[in-house]
């Protein structure tokens, strides 16, 4: 299964940026989101920002991912 994770862009240098989530920073390619700005939320997949999100959608996606992982852990731990 492929998974894209919302992260917030903290820094941009050319076509590369630094994205952050929960204190973890990753260098990401910005080729697919040419209009991205510092402070934007993006979906990161395989090291690439592939879509810009508004903050509400990003936070809802993170909430759903957290819930899915919590439920998955309970199922596997039974």
Protein backbone atom coordinates (compact mmCIF):
# COMPACT_ATOMS: atom_id res chain seq x y z
CA UNK A 1 0.00 0.00 0.00
CA UNK A 2 1.24 3.48 -0.86
CA UNK A 3 0.73 6.26 1.61
CA UNK A 4 1.06 10.02 1.29
CA UNK A 5 1.54 11.99 4.50
CA UNK A 6 0.64 15.65 5.09
CA UNK A 7 3.60 17.80 6.13
CA UNK A 8 4.13 21.56 6.42
CA UNK A 9 6.71 23.33 4.26
CA UNK A 10 9.24 25.18 6.44
CA UNK A 11 11.88 26.22 3.90
CA UNK A 12 12.23 26.39 0.11
CA UNK A 13 15.44 26.49 -1.93
CA UNK A 14 14.80 26.19 -5.65
CA UNK A 15 12.90 22.95 -6.33
CA UNK A 16 13.72 21.48 -2.93
CA UNK A 17 12.09 22.16 0.40
CA UNK A 18 12.15 21.16 4.03
CA UNK A 19 8.86 19.71 5.24
CA UNK A 20 8.02 19.12 8.92
CA UNK A 21 5.56 17.08 10.92
CA UNK A 22 5.67 16.59 14.70
CA UNK A 23 9.23 17.90 14.88
CA UNK A 24 10.53 15.58 12.16
CA UNK A 25 11.97 17.35 9.12
CA UNK A 26 12.55 15.86 5.68
CA UNK A 27 14.03 17.22 2.48
CA UNK A 28 11.44 16.95 -0.28
CA UNK A 29 11.30 17.59 -4.01
CA UNK A 30 8.86 20.32 -5.05
CA UNK A 31 8.74 19.61 -8.80
CA UNK A 32 5.04 18.70 -8.76
CA UNK A 33 3.90 21.75 -6.73
CA UNK A 34 5.52 24.75 -8.44
CA UNK A 35 3.35 27.33 -6.62
CA UNK A 36 4.00 26.00 -3.09
CA UNK A 37 4.93 28.56 -0.43
CA UNK A 38 6.52 28.35 3.02
CA UNK A 39 3.74 27.51 5.48
CA UNK A 40 1.72 25.45 2.98
CA UNK A 41 0.63 21.93 3.83
CA UNK A 42 1.48 19.31 1.20
CA UNK A 43 1.08 15.57 0.72
CA UNK A 44 4.50 13.87 0.70
CA UNK A 45 4.94 10.58 -1.14
CA UNK A 46 8.29 8.92 -1.88
CA UNK A 47 10.19 12.13 -1.16
CA UNK A 48 8.02 14.33 -3.40
CA UNK A 49 5.42 16.93 -2.49
CA UNK A 50 2.59 15.86 -4.79
CA UNK A 51 -0.31 18.10 -3.75
CA UNK A 52 -0.95 21.29 -1.78
CA UNK A 53 -3.65 21.02 0.92
CA UNK A 54 -5.44 23.59 3.02
CA UNK A 55 -4.71 23.29 6.74
CA UNK A 56 -8.16 21.90 7.61
CA UNK A 57 -7.79 19.00 5.15
CA UNK A 58 -4.22 18.31 6.28
CA UNK A 59 -5.18 18.11 9.95
CA UNK A 60 -8.23 15.95 9.22
CA UNK A 61 -6.07 13.56 7.17
CA UNK A 62 -3.57 13.31 10.03
CA UNK A 63 -6.40 12.61 12.47
CA UNK A 64 -7.75 9.83 10.25
CA UNK A 65 -4.29 8.29 9.79
CA UNK A 66 -3.73 8.33 13.55
CA UNK A 67 -7.10 6.66 14.12
CA UNK A 68 -6.41 4.00 11.46
CA UNK A 69 -3.03 3.15 13.00
CA UNK A 70 -4.56 2.97 16.47
CA UNK A 71 -7.34 0.61 15.28
CA UNK A 72 -4.86 -1.47 13.27
CA UNK A 73 -2.65 -1.92 16.33
CA UNK A 74 -5.60 -3.07 18.41
CA UNK A 75 -6.62 -5.61 15.77
CA UNK A 76 -3.08 -6.99 15.41
CA UNK A 77 -2.58 -7.09 19.19
CA UNK A 78 -5.66 -9.24 19.86
